[in-house]
Amino acid sequence: MVESYRENGKIKQRQVGNLGNIDLYSQEEIRRLIDKLREFLHNDPYGTTQDLTTYGDKYYGIPYVVNVFWNRLGLTEFINSLLKDRQVEVDVALCTKTWY
């Protein structure tokens, strides 16, 4: 979990929690994490989802890696070269990249 803040006019982020494998946390580490989360919860000591602010979803990981390899391997050009003599009305390369 990260917190965004401004420093010298630039938006920066700092890690405020890591919800990795909770089974590896000690009770004290879990208590510290809960205390940190409570700092963000204003209306209720236990908080609600209304106390949290989201800024949209961002997809990283697999889609990013696929896109990087797709571009580096030149798959759009490759697919288009295979289909150049066929009457295709749809951009096949574009269709294969829109799954994410």
PDB file of N, CA and C in Angstrom:
ATOM      1  N   MET A   1       0.849  -1.160   0.000  1.00  0.00           N
ATOM      2  CA  MET A   1       0.000   0.000   0.000  1.00  0.00           C
ATOM      3  C   MET A   1       0.894   1.221   0.000  1.00  0.00           C
ATOM      4  N   VAL A   2       0.522   2.200  -0.810  1.00  0.00           N
ATOM      5  CA  VAL A   2       1.326   3.407  -0.899  1.00  0.00           C
ATOM      6  C   VAL A   2       0.481   4.629  -0.586  1.00  0.00           C
ATOM      7  N   GLU A   3       1.153   5.669  -0.181  1.00  0.00           N
ATOM      8  CA  GLU A   3       0.536   6.956   0.090  1.00  0.00           C
ATOM      9  C   GLU A   3       1.172   7.970  -0.857  1.00  0.00           C
ATOM     10  N   SER A   4       0.346   8.768  -1.510  1.00  0.00           N
ATOM     11  CA  SER A   4       0.855   9.810  -2.397  1.00  0.00           C
ATOM     12  C   SER A   4       0.994  11.110  -1.621  1.00  0.00           C
ATOM     13  N   TYR A   5       2.021  11.880  -1.957  1.00  0.00           N
ATOM     14  CA  TYR A   5       2.234  13.181  -1.338  1.00  0.00           C
ATOM     15  C   TYR A   5       3.014  14.059  -2.309  1.00  0.00           C
ATOM     16  N   ARG A   6       3.008  15.358  -2.059  1.00  0.00           N
ATOM     17  CA  ARG A   6       3.743  16.299  -2.906  1.00  0.00           C
ATOM     18  C   ARG A   6       5.004  16.754  -2.187  1.00  0.00           C
ATOM     19  N   GLU A   7       6.069  16.827  -2.967  1.00  0.00           N
ATOM     20  CA  GLU A   7       7.334  17.336  -2.443  1.00  0.00           C
ATOM     21  C   GLU A   7       7.971  18.172  -3.539  1.00  0.00           C
ATOM     22  N   ASN A   8       8.198  19.443  -3.249  1.00  0.00           N
ATOM     23  CA  ASN A   8       8.774  20.371  -4.231  1.00  0.00           C
ATOM     24  C   ASN A   8       7.976  20.374  -5.537  1.00  0.00           C
ATOM     25  N   GLY A   9       6.656  20.342  -5.413  1.00  0.00           N
ATOM     26  CA  GLY A   9       5.795  20.395  -6.585  1.00  0.00           C
ATOM     27  C   GLY A   9       5.671  19.096  -7.358  1.00  0.00           C
ATOM     28  N   LYS A  10       6.320  18.058  -6.910  1.00  0.00           N
ATOM     29  CA  LYS A  10       6.253  16.766  -7.590  1.00  0.00           C
ATOM     30  C   LYS A  10       5.467  15.778  -6.733  1.00  0.00           C
ATOM     31  N   ILE A  11       4.700  14.937  -7.407  1.00  0.00           N
ATOM     32  CA  ILE A  11       3.949  13.906  -6.697  1.00  0.00           C
ATOM     33  C   ILE A  11       4.868  12.709  -6.482  1.00  0.00           C
ATOM     34  N   LYS A  12       4.950  12.294  -5.241  1.00  0.00           N
ATOM     35  CA  LYS A  12       5.778  11.142  -4.880  1.00  0.00           C
ATOM     36  C   LYS A  12       4.920  10.160  -4.106  1.00  0.00           C
ATOM     37  N   GLN A  13       5.435   8.969  -3.950  1.00  0.00           N
ATOM     38  CA  GLN A  13       4.726   7.950  -3.184  1.00  0.00           C
ATOM     39  C   GLN A  13       5.682   7.294  -2.209  1.00  0.00           C
ATOM     40  N   ARG A  14       5.133   6.896  -1.071  1.00  0.00           N
ATOM     41  CA  ARG A  14       5.917   6.138  -0.100  1.00  0.00           C
ATOM     42  C   ARG A  14       5.090   4.944   0.344  1.00  0.00           C
ATOM     43  N   GLN A  15       5.780   3.871   0.606  1.00  0.00           N
ATOM     44  CA  GLN A  15       5.106   2.653   1.038  1.00  0.00           C
ATOM     45  C   GLN A  15       4.677   2.815   2.489  1.00  0.00           C
ATOM     46  N   VAL A  16       3.399   2.531   2.751  1.00  0.00           N
ATOM     47  CA  VAL A  16       2.897   2.618   4.123  1.00  0.00           C
ATOM     48  C   VAL A  16       2.490   1.246   4.658  1.00  0.00           C
ATOM     49  N   GLY A  17       2.461   0.263   3.799  1.00  0.00           N
ATOM     50  CA  GLY A  17       2.122  -1.071   4.263  1.00  0.00           C
ATOM     51  C   GLY A  17       2.332  -2.077   3.160  1.00  0.00           C
ATOM     52  N   ASN A  18       2.545  -3.301   3.561  1.00  0.00           N
ATOM     53  CA  ASN A  18       2.711  -4.380   2.608  1.00  0.00           C
ATOM     54  C   ASN A  18       1.854  -5.527   3.102  1.00  0.00           C
ATOM     55  N   LEU A  19       0.891  -5.912   2.279  1.00  0.00           N
ATOM     56  CA  LEU A  19      -0.020  -6.967   2.694  1.00  0.00           C
ATOM     57  C   LEU A  19       0.383  -8.299   2.098  1.00  0.00           C
ATOM     58  N   GLY A  20       1.666  -8.545   2.043  1.00  0.00           N
ATOM     59  CA  GLY A  20       2.154  -9.813   1.505  1.00  0.00           C
ATOM     60  C   GLY A  20       1.562 -10.989   2.255  1.00  0.00           C
ATOM     61  N   ASN A  21       2.298 -11.996   2.530  1.00  0.00           N
ATOM     62  CA  ASN A  21       1.814 -13.186   3.219  1.00  0.00           C
ATOM     63  C   ASN A  21       1.638 -12.865   4.705  1.00  0.00           C
ATOM     64  N   ILE A  22       0.386 -12.642   5.111  1.00  0.00           N
ATOM     65  CA  ILE A  22       0.098 -12.232   6.492  1.00  0.00           C
ATOM     66  C   ILE A  22       0.517 -13.295   7.499  1.00  0.00           C
ATOM     67  N   ASP A  23       0.619 -14.539   7.065  1.00  0.00           N
ATOM     68  CA  ASP A  23       1.033 -15.610   7.978  1.00  0.00           C
ATOM     69  C   ASP A  23       2.470 -15.427   8.459  1.00  0.00           C
ATOM     70  N   LEU A  24       3.252 -14.652   7.735  1.00  0.00           N
ATOM     71  CA  LEU A  24       4.643 -14.431   8.112  1.00  0.00           C
ATOM     72  C   LEU A  24       4.807 -13.259   9.079  1.00  0.00           C
ATOM     73  N   TYR A  25       3.707 -12.532   9.378  1.00  0.00           N
ATOM     74  CA  TYR A  25       3.778 -11.367  10.259  1.00  0.00           C
ATOM     75  C   TYR A  25       3.681 -11.791  11.718  1.00  0.00           C
ATOM     76  N   SER A  26       4.388 -11.077  12.560  1.00  0.00           N
ATOM     77  CA  SER A  26       4.223 -11.273  14.006  1.00  0.00           C
ATOM     78  C   SER A  26       2.993 -10.483  14.450  1.00  0.00           C
ATOM     79  N   GLN A  27       2.520 -10.744  15.654  1.00  0.00           N
ATOM     80  CA  GLN A  27       1.363 -10.002  16.167  1.00  0.00           C
ATOM     81  C   GLN A  27       1.677  -8.510  16.239  1.00  0.00           C
ATOM     82  N   GLU A  28       2.878  -8.178  16.626  1.00  0.00           N
ATOM     83  CA  GLU A  28       3.262  -6.769  16.726  1.00  0.00           C
ATOM     84  C   GLU A  28       3.245  -6.096  15.351  1.00  0.00           C
ATOM     85  N   GLU A  29       3.729  -6.779  14.331  1.00  0.00           N
ATOM     86  CA  GLU A  29       3.714  -6.222  12.971  1.00  0.00           C
ATOM     87  C   GLU A  29       2.286  -6.020  12.486  1.00  0.00           C
ATOM     88  N   ILE A  30       1.399  -6.944  12.800  1.00  0.00           N
ATOM     89  CA  ILE A  30       0.000  -6.811  12.412  1.00  0.00           C
ATOM     90  C   ILE A  30      -0.634  -5.629  13.138  1.00  0.00           C
ATOM     91  N   ARG A  31      -0.327  -5.464  14.415  1.00  0.00           N
ATOM     92  CA  ARG A  31      -0.859  -4.322  15.171  1.00  0.00           C
ATOM     93  C   ARG A  31      -0.369  -3.003  14.580  1.00  0.00           C
ATOM     94  N   ARG A  32       0.907  -2.933  14.197  1.00  0.00           N
ATOM     95  CA  ARG A  32       1.443  -1.699  13.580  1.00  0.00           C
ATOM     96  C   ARG A  32       0.730  -1.402  12.260  1.00  0.00           C
ATOM     97  N   LEU A  33       0.474  -2.443  11.474  1.00  0.00           N
ATOM     98  CA  LEU A  33      -0.232  -2.272  10.212  1.00  0.00           C
ATOM     99  C   LEU A  33      -1.647  -1.760  10.455  1.00  0.00           C
ATOM    100  N   ILE A  34      -2.333  -2.331  11.433  1.00  0.00           N
ATOM    101  CA  ILE A  34      -3.687  -1.878  11.756  1.00  0.00           C
ATOM    102  C   ILE A  34      -3.669  -0.428  12.215  1.00  0.00           C
ATOM    103  N   ASP A  35      -2.710  -0.061  13.056  1.00  0.00           N
ATOM    104  CA  ASP A  35      -2.602   1.328  13.512  1.00  0.00           C
ATOM    105  C   ASP A  35      -2.367   2.280  12.346  1.00  0.00           C
ATOM    106  N   LYS A  36      -1.531   1.880  11.403  1.00  0.00           N
ATOM    107  CA  LYS A  36      -1.262   2.721  10.240  1.00  0.00           C
ATOM    108  C   LYS A  36      -2.522   2.897   9.398  1.00  0.00           C
ATOM    109  N   LEU A  37      -3.280   1.812   9.228  1.00  0.00           N
ATOM    110  CA  LEU A  37      -4.528   1.891   8.469  1.00  0.00           C
ATOM    111  C   LEU A  37      -5.544   2.784   9.181  1.00  0.00           C
ATOM    112  N   ARG A  38      -5.563   2.729  10.502  1.00  0.00           N
ATOM    113  CA  ARG A  38      -6.501   3.577  11.262  1.00  0.00           C
ATOM    114  C   ARG A  38      -6.227   5.064  11.049  1.00  0.00           C
ATOM    115  N   GLU A  39      -5.009   5.439  10.748  1.00  0.00           N
ATOM    116  CA  GLU A  39      -4.701   6.844  10.472  1.00  0.00           C
ATOM    117  C   GLU A  39      -5.513   7.360   9.288  1.00  0.00           C
ATOM    118  N   PHE A  40      -5.867   6.469   8.371  1.00  0.00           N
ATOM    119  CA  PHE A  40      -6.612   6.867   7.183  1.00  0.00           C
ATOM    120  C   PHE A  40      -8.127   6.831   7.407  1.00  0.00           C
ATOM    121  N   LEU A  41      -8.570   6.244   8.503  1.00  0.00           N
ATOM    122  CA  LEU A  41      -9.992   6.072   8.775  1.00  0.00           C
ATOM    123  C   LEU A  41     -10.449   7.153   9.737  1.00  0.00           C
ATOM    124  N   HIS A  42     -11.311   8.045   9.256  1.00  0.00           N
ATOM    125  CA  HIS A  42     -11.618   9.244  10.024  1.00  0.00           C
ATOM    126  C   HIS A  42     -12.934   9.171  10.803  1.00  0.00           C
ATOM    127  N   ASN A  43     -13.952   8.530  10.296  1.00  0.00           N
ATOM    128  CA  ASN A  43     -15.281   8.603  10.887  1.00  0.00           C
ATOM    129  C   ASN A  43     -15.556   7.543  11.946  1.00  0.00           C
ATOM    130  N   ASP A  44     -14.852   6.481  11.931  1.00  0.00           N
ATOM    131  CA  ASP A  44     -15.166   5.339  12.773  1.00  0.00           C
ATOM    132  C   ASP A  44     -13.862   4.700  13.235  1.00  0.00           C
ATOM    133  N   PRO A  45     -13.768   4.281  14.502  1.00  0.00           N
ATOM    134  CA  PRO A  45     -12.514   3.662  14.933  1.00  0.00           C
ATOM    135  C   PRO A  45     -12.154   2.418  14.124  1.00  0.00           C
ATOM    136  N   TYR A  46     -13.163   1.764  13.544  1.00  0.00           N
ATOM    137  CA  TYR A  46     -12.893   0.592  12.712  1.00  0.00           C
ATOM    138  C   TYR A  46     -12.886   0.944  11.240  1.00  0.00           C
ATOM    139  N   GLY A  47     -13.477   2.071  10.902  1.00  0.00           N
ATOM    140  CA  GLY A  47     -13.492   2.529   9.528  1.00  0.00           C
ATOM    141  C   GLY A  47     -14.464   1.780   8.642  1.00  0.00           C
ATOM    142  N   THR A  48     -14.738   2.392   7.518  1.00  0.00           N
ATOM    143  CA  THR A  48     -15.593   1.775   6.504  1.00  0.00           C
ATOM    144  C   THR A  48     -14.935   2.008   5.149  1.00  0.00           C
ATOM    145  N   THR A  49     -15.487   1.400   4.139  1.00  0.00           N
ATOM    146  CA  THR A  49     -14.949   1.626   2.790  1.00  0.00           C
ATOM    147  C   THR A  49     -15.138   3.070   2.361  1.00  0.00           C
ATOM    148  N   GLN A  50     -16.056   3.786   2.983  1.00  0.00           N
ATOM    149  CA  GLN A  50     -16.268   5.197   2.658  1.00  0.00           C
ATOM    150  C   GLN A  50     -15.070   6.059   3.079  1.00  0.00           C
ATOM    151  N   ASP A  51     -14.268   5.558   3.996  1.00  0.00           N
ATOM    152  CA  ASP A  51     -13.105   6.309   4.466  1.00  0.00           C
ATOM    153  C   ASP A  51     -11.910   6.208   3.521  1.00  0.00           C
ATOM    154  N   LEU A  52     -11.982   5.321   2.564  1.00  0.00           N
ATOM    155  CA  LEU A  52     -10.874   5.107   1.644  1.00  0.00           C
ATOM    156  C   LEU A  52     -11.136   5.836   0.337  1.00  0.00           C
ATOM    157  N   THR A  53     -10.093   6.353  -0.265  1.00  0.00           N
ATOM    158  CA  THR A  53     -10.207   7.027  -1.540  1.00  0.00           C
ATOM    159  C   THR A  53      -9.457   6.213  -2.586  1.00  0.00           C
ATOM    160  N   THR A  54     -10.118   5.930  -3.706  1.00  0.00           N
ATOM    161  CA  THR A  54      -9.450   5.245  -4.793  1.00  0.00           C
ATOM    162  C   THR A  54      -9.333   6.201  -5.972  1.00  0.00           C
ATOM    163  N   TYR A  55      -8.350   5.974  -6.780  1.00  0.00           N
ATOM    164  CA  TYR A  55      -8.095   6.835  -7.923  1.00  0.00           C
ATOM    165  C   TYR A  55      -8.124   6.043  -9.219  1.00  0.00           C
ATOM    166  N   GLY A  56      -8.962   5.022  -9.283  1.00  0.00           N
ATOM    167  CA  GLY A  56      -9.075   4.223 -10.499  1.00  0.00           C
ATOM    168  C   GLY A  56      -8.181   3.000 -10.436  1.00  0.00           C
ATOM    169  N   ASP A  57      -8.435   2.121 -11.367  1.00  0.00           N
ATOM    170  CA  ASP A  57      -7.664   0.891 -11.447  1.00  0.00           C
ATOM    171  C   ASP A  57      -6.523   1.057 -12.421  1.00  0.00           C
ATOM    172  N   LYS A  58      -5.436   0.447 -12.096  1.00  0.00           N
ATOM    173  CA  LYS A  58      -4.285   0.420 -12.998  1.00  0.00           C
ATOM    174  C   LYS A  58      -3.871  -1.028 -13.157  1.00  0.00           C
ATOM    175  N   TYR A  59      -3.653  -1.416 -14.388  1.00  0.00           N
ATOM    176  CA  TYR A  59      -3.288  -2.794 -14.664  1.00  0.00           C
ATOM    177  C   TYR A  59      -1.820  -2.847 -15.065  1.00  0.00           C
ATOM    178  N   TYR A  60      -1.057  -3.575 -14.313  1.00  0.00           N
ATOM    179  CA  TYR A  60       0.352  -3.764 -14.602  1.00  0.00           C
ATOM    180  C   TYR A  60       0.615  -5.257 -14.699  1.00  0.00           C
ATOM    181  N   GLY A  61       1.823  -5.630 -14.609  1.00  0.00           N
ATOM    182  CA  GLY A  61       2.139  -7.049 -14.586  1.00  0.00           C
ATOM    183  C   GLY A  61       2.052  -7.670 -15.958  1.00  0.00           C
ATOM    184  N   ILE A  62       1.228  -8.680 -16.070  1.00  0.00           N
ATOM    185  CA  ILE A  62       1.149  -9.461 -17.311  1.00  0.00           C
ATOM    186  C   ILE A  62       0.824  -8.587 -18.518  1.00  0.00           C
ATOM    187  N   PRO A  63      -0.202  -7.708 -18.474  1.00  0.00           N
ATOM    188  CA  PRO A  63      -0.471  -6.885 -19.662  1.00  0.00           C
ATOM    189  C   PRO A  63       0.723  -6.035 -20.079  1.00  0.00           C
ATOM    190  N   TYR A  64       1.444  -5.489 -19.104  1.00  0.00           N
ATOM    191  CA  TYR A  64       2.610  -4.666 -19.421  1.00  0.00           C
ATOM    192  C   TYR A  64       3.690  -5.501 -20.105  1.00  0.00           C
ATOM    193  N   VAL A  65       3.970  -6.662 -19.550  1.00  0.00           N
ATOM    194  CA  VAL A  65       5.005  -7.533 -20.102  1.00  0.00           C
ATOM    195  C   VAL A  65       4.624  -7.980 -21.510  1.00  0.00           C
ATOM    196  N   VAL A  66       3.367  -8.374 -21.691  1.00  0.00           N
ATOM    197  CA  VAL A  66       2.915  -8.797 -23.022  1.00  0.00           C
ATOM    198  C   VAL A  66       3.081  -7.662 -24.020  1.00  0.00           C
ATOM    199  N   ASN A  67       2.710  -6.454 -23.637  1.00  0.00           N
ATOM    200  CA  ASN A  67       2.826  -5.302 -24.533  1.00  0.00           C
ATOM    201  C   ASN A  67       4.280  -5.016 -24.894  1.00  0.00           C
ATOM    202  N   VAL A  68       5.177  -5.103 -23.917  1.00  0.00           N
ATOM    203  CA  VAL A  68       6.600  -4.863 -24.190  1.00  0.00           C
ATOM    204  C   VAL A  68       7.129  -5.893 -25.185  1.00  0.00           C
ATOM    205  N   PHE A  69       6.855  -7.164 -24.928  1.00  0.00           N
ATOM    206  CA  PHE A  69       7.323  -8.205 -25.849  1.00  0.00           C
ATOM    207  C   PHE A  69       6.660  -8.080 -27.220  1.00  0.00           C
ATOM    208  N   TRP A  70       5.370  -7.766 -27.226  1.00  0.00           N
ATOM    209  CA  TRP A  70       4.641  -7.593 -28.488  1.00  0.00           C
ATOM    210  C   TRP A  70       5.350  -6.562 -29.359  1.00  0.00           C
ATOM    211  N   ASN A  71       5.672  -5.424 -28.746  1.00  0.00           N
ATOM    212  CA  ASN A  71       6.319  -4.346 -29.496  1.00  0.00           C
ATOM    213  C   ASN A  71       7.752  -4.696 -29.882  1.00  0.00           C
ATOM    214  N   ARG A  72       8.507  -5.274 -28.960  1.00  0.00           N
ATOM    215  CA  ARG A  72       9.904  -5.620 -29.254  1.00  0.00           C
ATOM    216  C   ARG A  72      10.025  -6.690 -30.336  1.00  0.00           C
ATOM    217  N   LEU A  73       9.087  -7.610 -30.367  1.00  0.00           N
ATOM    218  CA  LEU A  73       9.115  -8.672 -31.369  1.00  0.00           C
ATOM    219  C   LEU A  73       8.497  -8.234 -32.695  1.00  0.00           C
ATOM    220  N   GLY A  74       7.891  -7.052 -32.704  1.00  0.00           N
ATOM    221  CA  GLY A  74       7.295  -6.551 -33.934  1.00  0.00           C
ATOM    222  C   GLY A  74       6.136  -7.404 -34.424  1.00  0.00           C
ATOM    223  N   LEU A  75       5.318  -7.870 -33.492  1.00  0.00           N
ATOM    224  CA  LEU A  75       4.237  -8.780 -33.860  1.00  0.00           C
ATOM    225  C   LEU A  75       3.160  -8.119 -34.712  1.00  0.00           C
ATOM    226  N   THR A  76       2.905  -6.830 -34.517  1.00  0.00           N
ATOM    227  CA  THR A  76       1.924  -6.145 -35.366  1.00  0.00           C
ATOM    228  C   THR A  76       2.358  -6.196 -36.819  1.00  0.00           C
ATOM    229  N   GLU A  77       3.602  -5.848 -37.076  1.00  0.00           N
ATOM    230  CA  GLU A  77       4.116  -5.863 -38.442  1.00  0.00           C
ATOM    231  C   GLU A  77       4.125  -7.285 -39.005  1.00  0.00           C
ATOM    232  N   PHE A  78       4.491  -8.247 -38.161  1.00  0.00           N
ATOM    233  CA  PHE A  78       4.534  -9.642 -38.591  1.00  0.00           C
ATOM    234  C   PHE A  78       3.149 -10.134 -39.007  1.00  0.00           C
ATOM    235  N   ILE A  79       2.154  -9.879 -38.167  1.00  0.00           N
ATOM    236  CA  ILE A  79       0.789 -10.307 -38.480  1.00  0.00           C
ATOM    237  C   ILE A  79       0.298  -9.611 -39.744  1.00  0.00           C
ATOM    238  N   ASN A  80       0.532  -8.313 -39.844  1.00  0.00           N
ATOM    239  CA  ASN A  80       0.101  -7.577 -41.031  1.00  0.00           C
ATOM    240  C   ASN A  80       0.782  -8.094 -42.296  1.00  0.00           C
ATOM    241  N   SER A  81       2.051  -8.483 -42.200  1.00  0.00           N
ATOM    242  CA  SER A  81       2.752  -9.000 -43.386  1.00  0.00           C
ATOM    243  C   SER A  81       2.171 -10.342 -43.819  1.00  0.00           C
ATOM    244  N   LEU A  82       1.732 -11.157 -42.869  1.00  0.00           N
ATOM    245  CA  LEU A  82       1.127 -12.445 -43.212  1.00  0.00           C
ATOM    246  C   LEU A  82      -0.245 -12.276 -43.862  1.00  0.00           C
ATOM    247  N   LEU A  83      -0.917 -11.187 -43.523  1.00  0.00           N
ATOM    248  CA  LEU A  83      -2.276 -10.985 -44.016  1.00  0.00           C
ATOM    249  C   LEU A  83      -2.360 -10.002 -45.175  1.00  0.00           C
ATOM    250  N   LYS A  84      -1.219  -9.515 -45.670  1.00  0.00           N
ATOM    251  CA  LYS A  84      -1.242  -8.456 -46.680  1.00  0.00           C
ATOM    252  C   LYS A  84      -1.949  -8.865 -47.971  1.00  0.00           C
ATOM    253  N   ASP A  85      -1.930 -10.127 -48.334  1.00  0.00           N
ATOM    254  CA  ASP A  85      -2.560 -10.575 -49.574  1.00  0.00           C
ATOM    255  C   ASP A  85      -3.993 -11.069 -49.357  1.00  0.00           C
ATOM    256  N   ARG A  86      -4.490 -10.965 -48.161  1.00  0.00           N
ATOM    257  CA  ARG A  86      -5.847 -11.412 -47.859  1.00  0.00           C
ATOM    258  C   ARG A  86      -6.743 -10.202 -47.648  1.00  0.00           C
ATOM    259  N   GLN A  87      -8.002 -10.391 -47.875  1.00  0.00           N
ATOM    260  CA  GLN A  87      -8.958  -9.304 -47.680  1.00  0.00           C
ATOM    261  C   GLN A  87      -9.481  -9.369 -46.245  1.00  0.00           C
ATOM    262  N   VAL A  88      -8.794  -8.670 -45.386  1.00  0.00           N
ATOM    263  CA  VAL A  88      -9.164  -8.633 -43.972  1.00  0.00           C
ATOM    264  C   VAL A  88      -9.632  -7.221 -43.657  1.00  0.00           C
ATOM    265  N   GLU A  89     -10.829  -7.107 -43.101  1.00  0.00           N
ATOM    266  CA  GLU A  89     -11.391  -5.794 -42.808  1.00  0.00           C
ATOM    267  C   GLU A  89     -11.156  -5.364 -41.362  1.00  0.00           C
ATOM    268  N   VAL A  90     -10.565  -6.221 -40.577  1.00  0.00           N
ATOM    269  CA  VAL A  90     -10.333  -5.930 -39.167  1.00  0.00           C
ATOM    270  C   VAL A  90      -8.833  -5.907 -38.920  1.00  0.00           C
ATOM    271  N   ASP A  91      -8.406  -4.964 -38.083  1.00  0.00           N
ATOM    272  CA  ASP A  91      -6.991  -4.924 -37.707  1.00  0.00           C
ATOM    273  C   ASP A  91      -6.739  -6.055 -36.707  1.00  0.00           C
ATOM    274  N   VAL A  92      -6.269  -7.179 -37.195  1.00  0.00           N
ATOM    275  CA  VAL A  92      -6.090  -8.374 -36.368  1.00  0.00           C
ATOM    276  C   VAL A  92      -5.128  -8.113 -35.218  1.00  0.00           C
ATOM    277  N   ALA A  93      -4.038  -7.414 -35.483  1.00  0.00           N
ATOM    278  CA  ALA A  93      -3.076  -7.129 -34.417  1.00  0.00           C
ATOM    279  C   ALA A  93      -3.712  -6.316 -33.310  1.00  0.00           C
ATOM    280  N   LEU A  94      -4.547  -5.358 -33.660  1.00  0.00           N
ATOM    281  CA  LEU A  94      -5.220  -4.541 -32.653  1.00  0.00           C
ATOM    282  C   LEU A  94      -6.162  -5.387 -31.814  1.00  0.00           C
ATOM    283  N   CYS A  95      -6.860  -6.281 -32.439  1.00  0.00           N
ATOM    284  CA  CYS A  95      -7.807  -7.164 -31.714  1.00  0.00           C
ATOM    285  C   CYS A  95      -7.083  -8.049 -30.714  1.00  0.00           C
ATOM    286  N   THR A  96      -5.903  -8.489 -31.014  1.00  0.00           N
ATOM    287  CA  THR A  96      -5.192  -9.390 -30.104  1.00  0.00           C
ATOM    288  C   THR A  96      -4.612  -8.638 -28.910  1.00  0.00           C
ATOM    289  N   LYS A  97      -4.453  -7.326 -29.011  1.00  0.00           N
ATOM    290  CA  LYS A  97      -3.866  -6.559 -27.916  1.00  0.00           C
ATOM    291  C   LYS A  97      -4.913  -5.966 -26.982  1.00  0.00           C
ATOM    292  N   THR A  98      -6.183  -6.042 -27.314  1.00  0.00           N
ATOM    293  CA  THR A  98      -7.193  -5.383 -26.500  1.00  0.00           C
ATOM    294  C   THR A  98      -7.746  -6.257 -25.382  1.00  0.00           C
ATOM    295  N   TRP A  99      -7.191  -7.417 -25.140  1.00  0.00           N
ATOM    296  CA  TRP A  99      -7.689  -8.294 -24.076  1.00  0.00           C
ATOM    297  C   TRP A  99      -7.437  -7.724 -22.699  1.00  0.00           C
ATOM    298  N   TYR A 100      -6.540  -6.797 -22.594  1.00  0.00           N
ATOM    299  CA  TYR A 100      -6.315  -6.192 -21.277  1.00  0.00           C
ATOM    300  C   TYR A 100      -6.794  -4.792 -21.305  1.00  0.00           C
TER     301      TYR A 100
END
